[in-house]
Amino acid sequence: LSGVNVPTLKELGIDVVIGNWRGVYGAPGITPEQR
């Protein structure tokens, strides 16, 4: 990571890469125009 001096799992010989994404949802039943 930028500016972070911490090794990746891959650097340590452990072939694991996984990200945590975030998003937003709207309410059920809104119209296409409202969406």
PDB file of all heavy atoms in Angstrom:
ATOM      1  N   LEU A   1       0.833  -1.189   0.000  1.00  0.00           N
ATOM      2  CA  LEU A   1       0.000   0.000   0.000  1.00  0.00           C
ATOM      3  C   LEU A   1       0.873   1.246   0.000  1.00  0.00           C
ATOM      4  O   LEU A   1       1.947   1.264   0.605  1.00  0.00           O
ATOM      5  CB  LEU A   1      -0.916  -0.002   1.227  1.00  0.00           C
ATOM      6  CG  LEU A   1      -1.872  -1.190   1.361  1.00  0.00           C
ATOM      7  CD1 LEU A   1      -2.672  -1.089   2.662  1.00  0.00           C
ATOM      8  CD2 LEU A   1      -2.805  -1.272   0.171  1.00  0.00           C
ATOM      9  N   SER A   2       0.401   2.276  -0.679  1.00  0.00           N
ATOM     10  CA  SER A   2       1.157   3.519  -0.799  1.00  0.00           C
ATOM     11  C   SER A   2       1.438   4.131   0.577  1.00  0.00           C
ATOM     12  O   SER A   2       0.519   4.331   1.383  1.00  0.00           O
ATOM     13  CB  SER A   2       0.372   4.521  -1.651  1.00  0.00           C
ATOM     14  OG  SER A   2       1.039   5.752  -1.718  1.00  0.00           O
ATOM     15  N   GLY A   3       2.700   4.382   0.842  1.00  0.00           N
ATOM     16  CA  GLY A   3       3.075   5.011   2.094  1.00  0.00           C
ATOM     17  C   GLY A   3       3.038   4.095   3.300  1.00  0.00           C
ATOM     18  O   GLY A   3       3.209   4.550   4.438  1.00  0.00           O
ATOM     19  N   VAL A   4       2.812   2.802   3.083  1.00  0.00           N
ATOM     20  CA  VAL A   4       2.702   1.847   4.187  1.00  0.00           C
ATOM     21  C   VAL A   4       3.782   0.782   4.022  1.00  0.00           C
ATOM     22  O   VAL A   4       3.766   0.010   3.067  1.00  0.00           O
ATOM     23  CB  VAL A   4       1.303   1.181   4.213  1.00  0.00           C
ATOM     24  CG1 VAL A   4       1.232   0.133   5.315  1.00  0.00           C
ATOM     25  CG2 VAL A   4       0.213   2.237   4.406  1.00  0.00           C
ATOM     26  N   ASN A   5       4.700   0.726   4.961  1.00  0.00           N
ATOM     27  CA  ASN A   5       5.828  -0.212   4.864  1.00  0.00           C
ATOM     28  C   ASN A   5       5.474  -1.550   5.523  1.00  0.00           C
ATOM     29  O   ASN A   5       6.025  -1.927   6.558  1.00  0.00           O
ATOM     30  CB  ASN A   5       7.074   0.393   5.517  1.00  0.00           C
ATOM     31  CG  ASN A   5       8.307  -0.458   5.283  1.00  0.00           C
ATOM     32  OD1 ASN A   5       8.404  -1.167   4.270  1.00  0.00           O
ATOM     33  ND2 ASN A   5       9.250  -0.404   6.208  1.00  0.00           N
ATOM     34  N   VAL A   6       4.519  -2.238   4.899  1.00  0.00           N
ATOM     35  CA  VAL A   6       4.068  -3.539   5.408  1.00  0.00           C
ATOM     36  C   VAL A   6       4.070  -4.529   4.248  1.00  0.00           C
ATOM     37  O   VAL A   6       3.537  -4.223   3.175  1.00  0.00           O
ATOM     38  CB  VAL A   6       2.643  -3.437   6.004  1.00  0.00           C
ATOM     39  CG1 VAL A   6       2.197  -4.784   6.571  1.00  0.00           C
ATOM     40  CG2 VAL A   6       2.588  -2.364   7.092  1.00  0.00           C
ATOM     41  N   PRO A   7       4.663  -5.709   4.419  1.00  0.00           N
ATOM     42  CA  PRO A   7       4.737  -6.663   3.310  1.00  0.00           C
ATOM     43  C   PRO A   7       3.382  -7.229   2.919  1.00  0.00           C
ATOM     44  O   PRO A   7       2.478  -7.345   3.755  1.00  0.00           O
ATOM     45  CB  PRO A   7       5.653  -7.767   3.853  1.00  0.00           C
ATOM     46  CG  PRO A   7       5.486  -7.691   5.338  1.00  0.00           C
ATOM     47  CD  PRO A   7       5.298  -6.234   5.646  1.00  0.00           C
ATOM     48  N   THR A   8       3.237  -7.555   1.652  1.00  0.00           N
ATOM     49  CA  THR A   8       2.031  -8.247   1.193  1.00  0.00           C
ATOM     50  C   THR A   8       2.154  -9.733   1.535  1.00  0.00           C
ATOM     51  O   THR A   8       3.257 -10.248   1.761  1.00  0.00           O
ATOM     52  CB  THR A   8       1.854  -8.108  -0.331  1.00  0.00           C
ATOM     53  OG1 THR A   8       2.926  -8.822  -0.979  1.00  0.00           O
ATOM     54  CG2 THR A   8       1.876  -6.655  -0.756  1.00  0.00           C
ATOM     55  N   LEU A   9       1.038 -10.408   1.562  1.00  0.00           N
ATOM     56  CA  LEU A   9       1.063 -11.858   1.781  1.00  0.00           C
ATOM     57  C   LEU A   9       1.867 -12.546   0.680  1.00  0.00           C
ATOM     58  O   LEU A   9       2.597 -13.507   0.942  1.00  0.00           O
ATOM     59  CB  LEU A   9      -0.371 -12.405   1.832  1.00  0.00           C
ATOM     60  CG  LEU A   9      -1.171 -12.050   3.090  1.00  0.00           C
ATOM     61  CD1 LEU A   9      -2.644 -12.393   2.906  1.00  0.00           C
ATOM     62  CD2 LEU A   9      -0.611 -12.768   4.320  1.00  0.00           C
ATOM     63  N   LYS A  10       1.729 -12.040  -0.551  1.00  0.00           N
ATOM     64  CA  LYS A  10       2.462 -12.636  -1.669  1.00  0.00           C
ATOM     65  C   LYS A  10       3.969 -12.519  -1.465  1.00  0.00           C
ATOM     66  O   LYS A  10       4.723 -13.437  -1.802  1.00  0.00           O
ATOM     67  CB  LYS A  10       2.041 -11.985  -2.986  1.00  0.00           C
ATOM     68  CG  LYS A  10       0.625 -12.321  -3.426  1.00  0.00           C
ATOM     69  CD  LYS A  10       0.332 -11.883  -4.846  1.00  0.00           C
ATOM     70  CE  LYS A  10       1.018 -12.792  -5.860  1.00  0.00           C
ATOM     71  NZ  LYS A  10       0.580 -12.503  -7.244  1.00  0.00           N
ATOM     72  N   GLU A  11       4.416 -11.387  -0.926  1.00  0.00           N
ATOM     73  CA  GLU A  11       5.836 -11.224  -0.627  1.00  0.00           C
ATOM     74  C   GLU A  11       6.326 -12.275   0.356  1.00  0.00           C
ATOM     75  O   GLU A  11       7.492 -12.699   0.318  1.00  0.00           O
ATOM     76  CB  GLU A  11       6.103  -9.843  -0.015  1.00  0.00           C
ATOM     77  CG  GLU A  11       6.164  -8.689  -0.984  1.00  0.00           C
ATOM     78  CD  GLU A  11       6.505  -7.405  -0.241  1.00  0.00           C
ATOM     79  OE1 GLU A  11       7.627  -7.300   0.291  1.00  0.00           O
ATOM     80  OE2 GLU A  11       5.634  -6.509  -0.170  1.00  0.00           O
ATOM     81  N   LEU A  12       5.429 -12.677   1.244  1.00  0.00           N
ATOM     82  CA  LEU A  12       5.781 -13.646   2.284  1.00  0.00           C
ATOM     83  C   LEU A  12       5.611 -15.083   1.810  1.00  0.00           C
ATOM     84  O   LEU A  12       5.733 -16.016   2.598  1.00  0.00           O
ATOM     85  CB  LEU A  12       4.914 -13.397   3.527  1.00  0.00           C
ATOM     86  CG  LEU A  12       5.031 -11.996   4.154  1.00  0.00           C
ATOM     87  CD1 LEU A  12       4.048 -11.837   5.297  1.00  0.00           C
ATOM     88  CD2 LEU A  12       6.453 -11.735   4.633  1.00  0.00           C
ATOM     89  N   GLY A  13       5.318 -15.244   0.523  1.00  0.00           N
ATOM     90  CA  GLY A  13       5.185 -16.584  -0.044  1.00  0.00           C
ATOM     91  C   GLY A  13       3.810 -17.190   0.115  1.00  0.00           C
ATOM     92  O   GLY A  13       3.631 -18.407  -0.090  1.00  0.00           O
ATOM     93  N   ILE A  14       2.821 -16.358   0.466  1.00  0.00           N
ATOM     94  CA  ILE A  14       1.441 -16.835   0.635  1.00  0.00           C
ATOM     95  C   ILE A  14       0.604 -16.206  -0.481  1.00  0.00           C
ATOM     96  O   ILE A  14       0.339 -15.000  -0.460  1.00  0.00           O
ATOM     97  CB  ILE A  14       0.877 -16.447   2.017  1.00  0.00           C
ATOM     98  CG1 ILE A  14       1.808 -16.936   3.131  1.00  0.00           C
ATOM     99  CG2 ILE A  14      -0.530 -17.025   2.206  1.00  0.00           C
ATOM    100  CD1 ILE A  14       1.512 -16.324   4.482  1.00  0.00           C
ATOM    101  N   ASP A  15       0.210 -16.985  -1.445  1.00  0.00           N
ATOM    102  CA  ASP A  15      -0.440 -16.455  -2.648  1.00  0.00           C
ATOM    103  C   ASP A  15      -1.916 -16.127  -2.402  1.00  0.00           C
ATOM    104  O   ASP A  15      -2.822 -16.813  -2.872  1.00  0.00           O
ATOM    105  CB  ASP A  15      -0.303 -17.462  -3.795  1.00  0.00           C
ATOM    106  CG  ASP A  15      -0.741 -16.868  -5.135  1.00  0.00           C
ATOM    107  OD1 ASP A  15      -0.847 -15.626  -5.225  1.00  0.00           O
ATOM    108  OD2 ASP A  15      -0.980 -17.647  -6.071  1.00  0.00           O
ATOM    109  N   VAL A  16      -2.143 -15.052  -1.652  1.00  0.00           N
ATOM    110  CA  VAL A  16      -3.500 -14.603  -1.322  1.00  0.00           C
ATOM    111  C   VAL A  16      -3.599 -13.099  -1.589  1.00  0.00           C
ATOM    112  O   VAL A  16      -2.806 -12.323  -1.055  1.00  0.00           O
ATOM    113  CB  VAL A  16      -3.857 -14.894   0.148  1.00  0.00           C
ATOM    114  CG1 VAL A  16      -5.191 -14.233   0.514  1.00  0.00           C
ATOM    115  CG2 VAL A  16      -3.920 -16.396   0.407  1.00  0.00           C
ATOM    116  N   VAL A  17      -4.564 -12.720  -2.424  1.00  0.00           N
ATOM    117  CA  VAL A  17      -4.883 -11.314  -2.679  1.00  0.00           C
ATOM    118  C   VAL A  17      -6.403 -11.189  -2.608  1.00  0.00           C
ATOM    119  O   VAL A  17      -7.127 -11.898  -3.317  1.00  0.00           O
ATOM    120  CB  VAL A  17      -4.390 -10.849  -4.064  1.00  0.00           C
ATOM    121  CG1 VAL A  17      -4.840  -9.405  -4.325  1.00  0.00           C
ATOM    122  CG2 VAL A  17      -2.880 -10.964  -4.172  1.00  0.00           C
ATOM    123  N   ILE A  18      -6.888 -10.302  -1.748  1.00  0.00           N
ATOM    124  CA  ILE A  18      -8.339 -10.132  -1.629  1.00  0.00           C
ATOM    125  C   ILE A  18      -8.643  -8.696  -1.195  1.00  0.00           C
ATOM    126  O   ILE A  18      -7.980  -8.154  -0.303  1.00  0.00           O
ATOM    127  CB  ILE A  18      -8.958 -11.155  -0.642  1.00  0.00           C
ATOM    128  CG1 ILE A  18     -10.485 -11.008  -0.559  1.00  0.00           C
ATOM    129  CG2 ILE A  18      -8.310 -11.059   0.741  1.00  0.00           C
ATOM    130  CD1 ILE A  18     -11.171 -12.126   0.222  1.00  0.00           C
ATOM    131  N   GLY A  19      -9.617  -8.067  -1.850  1.00  0.00           N
ATOM    132  CA  GLY A  19      -9.987  -6.690  -1.546  1.00  0.00           C
ATOM    133  C   GLY A  19     -11.380  -6.593  -0.941  1.00  0.00           C
ATOM    134  O   GLY A  19     -12.222  -7.465  -1.136  1.00  0.00           O
ATOM    135  N   ASN A  20     -11.595  -5.520  -0.225  1.00  0.00           N
ATOM    136  CA  ASN A  20     -12.880  -5.270   0.426  1.00  0.00           C
ATOM    137  C   ASN A  20     -13.512  -4.025  -0.192  1.00  0.00           C
ATOM    138  O   ASN A  20     -13.157  -2.904   0.143  1.00  0.00           O
ATOM    139  CB  ASN A  20     -12.668  -5.070   1.928  1.00  0.00           C
ATOM    140  CG  ASN A  20     -13.971  -4.819   2.671  1.00  0.00           C
ATOM    141  OD1 ASN A  20     -15.052  -5.078   2.159  1.00  0.00           O
ATOM    142  ND2 ASN A  20     -13.872  -4.320   3.886  1.00  0.00           N
ATOM    143  N   TRP A  21     -14.431  -4.229  -1.150  1.00  0.00           N
ATOM    144  CA  TRP A  21     -15.067  -3.085  -1.808  1.00  0.00           C
ATOM    145  C   TRP A  21     -16.321  -2.669  -1.046  1.00  0.00           C
ATOM    146  O   TRP A  21     -16.913  -3.463  -0.312  1.00  0.00           O
ATOM    147  CB  TRP A  21     -15.412  -3.430  -3.260  1.00  0.00           C
ATOM    148  CG  TRP A  21     -16.348  -4.595  -3.418  1.00  0.00           C
ATOM    149  CD1 TRP A  21     -16.018  -5.916  -3.559  1.00  0.00           C
ATOM    150  CD2 TRP A  21     -17.785  -4.561  -3.417  1.00  0.00           C
ATOM    151  NE1 TRP A  21     -17.146  -6.703  -3.653  1.00  0.00           N
ATOM    152  CE2 TRP A  21     -18.245  -5.888  -3.572  1.00  0.00           C
ATOM    153  CE3 TRP A  21     -18.715  -3.533  -3.303  1.00  0.00           C
ATOM    154  CZ2 TRP A  21     -19.599  -6.217  -3.602  1.00  0.00           C
ATOM    155  CZ3 TRP A  21     -20.077  -3.858  -3.339  1.00  0.00           C
ATOM    156  CH2 TRP A  21     -20.497  -5.191  -3.490  1.00  0.00           C
ATOM    157  N   ARG A  22     -16.714  -1.407  -1.240  1.00  0.00           N
ATOM    158  CA  ARG A  22     -17.921  -0.880  -0.594  1.00  0.00           C
ATOM    159  C   ARG A  22     -18.748  -0.105  -1.612  1.00  0.00           C
ATOM    160  O   ARG A  22     -18.208   0.487  -2.539  1.00  0.00           O
ATOM    161  CB  ARG A  22     -17.565   0.021   0.587  1.00  0.00           C
ATOM    162  CG  ARG A  22     -16.806  -0.716   1.686  1.00  0.00           C
ATOM    163  CD  ARG A  22     -16.602   0.132   2.926  1.00  0.00           C
ATOM    164  NE  ARG A  22     -15.859  -0.634   3.930  1.00  0.00           N
ATOM    165  CZ  ARG A  22     -14.625  -0.361   4.325  1.00  0.00           C
ATOM    166  NH1 ARG A  22     -13.993   0.674   3.803  1.00  0.00           N
ATOM    167  NH2 ARG A  22     -14.028  -1.100   5.232  1.00  0.00           N
ATOM    168  N   GLY A  23     -20.056  -0.121  -1.419  1.00  0.00           N
ATOM    169  CA  GLY A  23     -20.946   0.578  -2.327  1.00  0.00           C
ATOM    170  C   GLY A  23     -22.187   1.066  -1.607  1.00  0.00           C
ATOM    171  O   GLY A  23     -22.276   0.990  -0.372  1.00  0.00           O
ATOM    172  N   VAL A  24     -23.141   1.584  -2.370  1.00  0.00           N
ATOM    173  CA  VAL A  24     -24.403   2.047  -1.801  1.00  0.00           C
ATOM    174  C   VAL A  24     -25.573   1.513  -2.620  1.00  0.00           C
ATOM    175  O   VAL A  24     -25.480   1.353  -3.836  1.00  0.00           O
ATOM    176  CB  VAL A  24     -24.481   3.592  -1.734  1.00  0.00           C
ATOM    177  CG1 VAL A  24     -23.540   4.133  -0.671  1.00  0.00           C
ATOM    178  CG2 VAL A  24     -24.167   4.223  -3.083  1.00  0.00           C
ATOM    179  N   TYR A  25     -26.654   1.211  -1.911  1.00  0.00           N
ATOM    180  CA  TYR A  25     -27.905   0.749  -2.518  1.00  0.00           C
ATOM    181  C   TYR A  25     -29.020   1.714  -2.160  1.00  0.00           C
ATOM    182  O   TYR A  25     -28.959   2.390  -1.115  1.00  0.00           O
ATOM    183  CB  TYR A  25     -28.269  -0.642  -1.992  1.00  0.00           C
ATOM    184  CG  TYR A  25     -27.828  -1.795  -2.874  1.00  0.00           C
ATOM    185  CD1 TYR A  25     -26.510  -1.925  -3.264  1.00  0.00           C
ATOM    186  CD2 TYR A  25     -28.736  -2.758  -3.311  1.00  0.00           C
ATOM    187  CE1 TYR A  25     -26.106  -2.994  -4.064  1.00  0.00           C
ATOM    188  CE2 TYR A  25     -28.340  -3.817  -4.114  1.00  0.00           C
ATOM    189  CZ  TYR A  25     -27.035  -3.929  -4.488  1.00  0.00           C
ATOM    190  OH  TYR A  25     -26.641  -4.978  -5.289  1.00  0.00           O
ATOM    191  N   GLY A  26     -30.019   1.752  -3.019  1.00  0.00           N
ATOM    192  CA  GLY A  26     -31.216   2.529  -2.749  1.00  0.00           C
ATOM    193  C   GLY A  26     -32.333   1.624  -2.248  1.00  0.00           C
ATOM    194  O   GLY A  26     -32.191   0.400  -2.189  1.00  0.00           O
ATOM    195  N   ALA A  27     -33.452   2.241  -1.924  1.00  0.00           N
ATOM    196  CA  ALA A  27     -34.588   1.503  -1.361  1.00  0.00           C
ATOM    197  C   ALA A  27     -35.281   0.622  -2.398  1.00  0.00           C
ATOM    198  O   ALA A  27     -35.151   0.848  -3.608  1.00  0.00           O
ATOM    199  CB  ALA A  27     -35.590   2.491  -0.770  1.00  0.00           C
ATOM    200  N   PRO A  28     -36.028  -0.376  -1.933  1.00  0.00           N
ATOM    201  CA  PRO A  28     -36.832  -1.170  -2.864  1.00  0.00           C
ATOM    202  C   PRO A  28     -37.949  -0.320  -3.458  1.00  0.00           C
ATOM    203  O   PRO A  28     -38.432   0.625  -2.831  1.00  0.00           O
ATOM    204  CB  PRO A  28     -37.444  -2.265  -1.968  1.00  0.00           C
ATOM    205  CG  PRO A  28     -36.726  -2.182  -0.662  1.00  0.00           C
ATOM    206  CD  PRO A  28     -36.210  -0.799  -0.537  1.00  0.00           C
ATOM    207  N   GLY A  29     -38.353  -0.636  -4.674  1.00  0.00           N
ATOM    208  CA  GLY A  29     -39.555  -0.048  -5.251  1.00  0.00           C
ATOM    209  C   GLY A  29     -39.444   1.378  -5.738  1.00  0.00           C
ATOM    210  O   GLY A  29     -40.468   2.005  -6.042  1.00  0.00           O
ATOM    211  N   ILE A  30     -38.226   1.924  -5.846  1.00  0.00           N
ATOM    212  CA  ILE A  30     -38.132   3.272  -6.416  1.00  0.00           C
ATOM    213  C   ILE A  30     -38.235   3.169  -7.944  1.00  0.00           C
ATOM    214  O   ILE A  30     -37.923   2.142  -8.538  1.00  0.00           O
ATOM    215  CB  ILE A  30     -36.834   4.001  -5.996  1.00  0.00           C
ATOM    216  CG1 ILE A  30     -35.582   3.226  -6.444  1.00  0.00           C
ATOM    217  CG2 ILE A  30     -36.816   4.218  -4.496  1.00  0.00           C
ATOM    218  CD1 ILE A  30     -34.278   3.955  -6.156  1.00  0.00           C
ATOM    219  N   THR A  31     -38.672   4.240  -8.578  1.00  0.00           N
ATOM    220  CA  THR A  31     -38.871   4.233 -10.028  1.00  0.00           C
ATOM    221  C   THR A  31     -37.524   4.362 -10.744  1.00  0.00           C
ATOM    222  O   THR A  31     -36.532   4.802 -10.153  1.00  0.00           O
ATOM    223  CB  THR A  31     -39.761   5.402 -10.454  1.00  0.00           C
ATOM    224  OG1 THR A  31     -39.051   6.637 -10.212  1.00  0.00           O
ATOM    225  CG2 THR A  31     -41.080   5.409  -9.678  1.00  0.00           C
ATOM    226  N   PRO A  32     -37.468   4.010 -12.040  1.00  0.00           N
ATOM    227  CA  PRO A  32     -36.232   4.206 -12.808  1.00  0.00           C
ATOM    228  C   PRO A  32     -35.746   5.651 -12.781  1.00  0.00           C
ATOM    229  O   PRO A  32     -34.536   5.909 -12.718  1.00  0.00           O
ATOM    230  CB  PRO A  32     -36.625   3.774 -14.218  1.00  0.00           C
ATOM    231  CG  PRO A  32     -37.725   2.783 -14.019  1.00  0.00           C
ATOM    232  CD  PRO A  32     -38.494   3.292 -12.830  1.00  0.00           C
ATOM    233  N   GLU A  33     -36.683   6.602 -12.802  1.00  0.00           N
ATOM    234  CA  GLU A  33     -36.314   8.011 -12.760  1.00  0.00           C
ATOM    235  C   GLU A  33     -35.689   8.367 -11.408  1.00  0.00           C
ATOM    236  O   GLU A  33     -34.695   9.110 -11.338  1.00  0.00           O
ATOM    237  CB  GLU A  33     -37.541   8.893 -13.021  1.00  0.00           C
ATOM    238  CG  GLU A  33     -38.116   8.798 -14.430  1.00  0.00           C
ATOM    239  CD  GLU A  33     -38.913   7.513 -14.666  1.00  0.00           C
ATOM    240  OE1 GLU A  33     -39.314   6.860 -13.669  1.00  0.00           O
ATOM    241  OE2 GLU A  33     -39.129   7.154 -15.842  1.00  0.00           O
ATOM    242  N   GLN A  34     -36.275   7.851 -10.341  1.00  0.00           N
ATOM    243  CA  GLN A  34     -35.737   8.109  -9.005  1.00  0.00           C
ATOM    244  C   GLN A  34     -34.366   7.460  -8.833  1.00  0.00           C
ATOM    245  O   GLN A  34     -33.464   8.040  -8.224  1.00  0.00           O
ATOM    246  CB  GLN A  34     -36.715   7.583  -7.944  1.00  0.00           C
ATOM    247  CG  GLN A  34     -37.992   8.394  -7.843  1.00  0.00           C
ATOM    248  CD  GLN A  34     -39.035   7.729  -6.973  1.00  0.00           C
ATOM    249  OE1 GLN A  34     -39.074   6.497  -6.830  1.00  0.00           O
ATOM    250  NE2 GLN A  34     -39.902   8.525  -6.364  1.00  0.00           N
ATOM    251  N   ARG A  35     -34.215   6.270  -9.397  1.00  0.00           N
ATOM    252  CA  ARG A  35     -32.920   5.590  -9.321  1.00  0.00           C
ATOM    253  C   ARG A  35     -31.843   6.382 -10.052  1.00  0.00           C
ATOM    254  O   ARG A  35     -30.730   6.540  -9.544  1.00  0.00           O
ATOM    255  CB  ARG A  35     -33.039   4.177  -9.915  1.00  0.00           C
ATOM    256  CG  ARG A  35     -31.741   3.385  -9.886  1.00  0.00           C
ATOM    257  CD  ARG A  35     -31.922   2.013 -10.504  1.00  0.00           C
ATOM    258  NE  ARG A  35     -30.697   1.233 -10.463  1.00  0.00           N
ATOM    259  CZ  ARG A  35     -30.580   0.000 -10.956  1.00  0.00           C
ATOM    260  NH1 ARG A  35     -31.628  -0.595 -11.520  1.00  0.00           N
ATOM    261  NH2 ARG A  35     -29.429  -0.641 -10.880  1.00  0.00           N
TER     262      ARG A  35
END
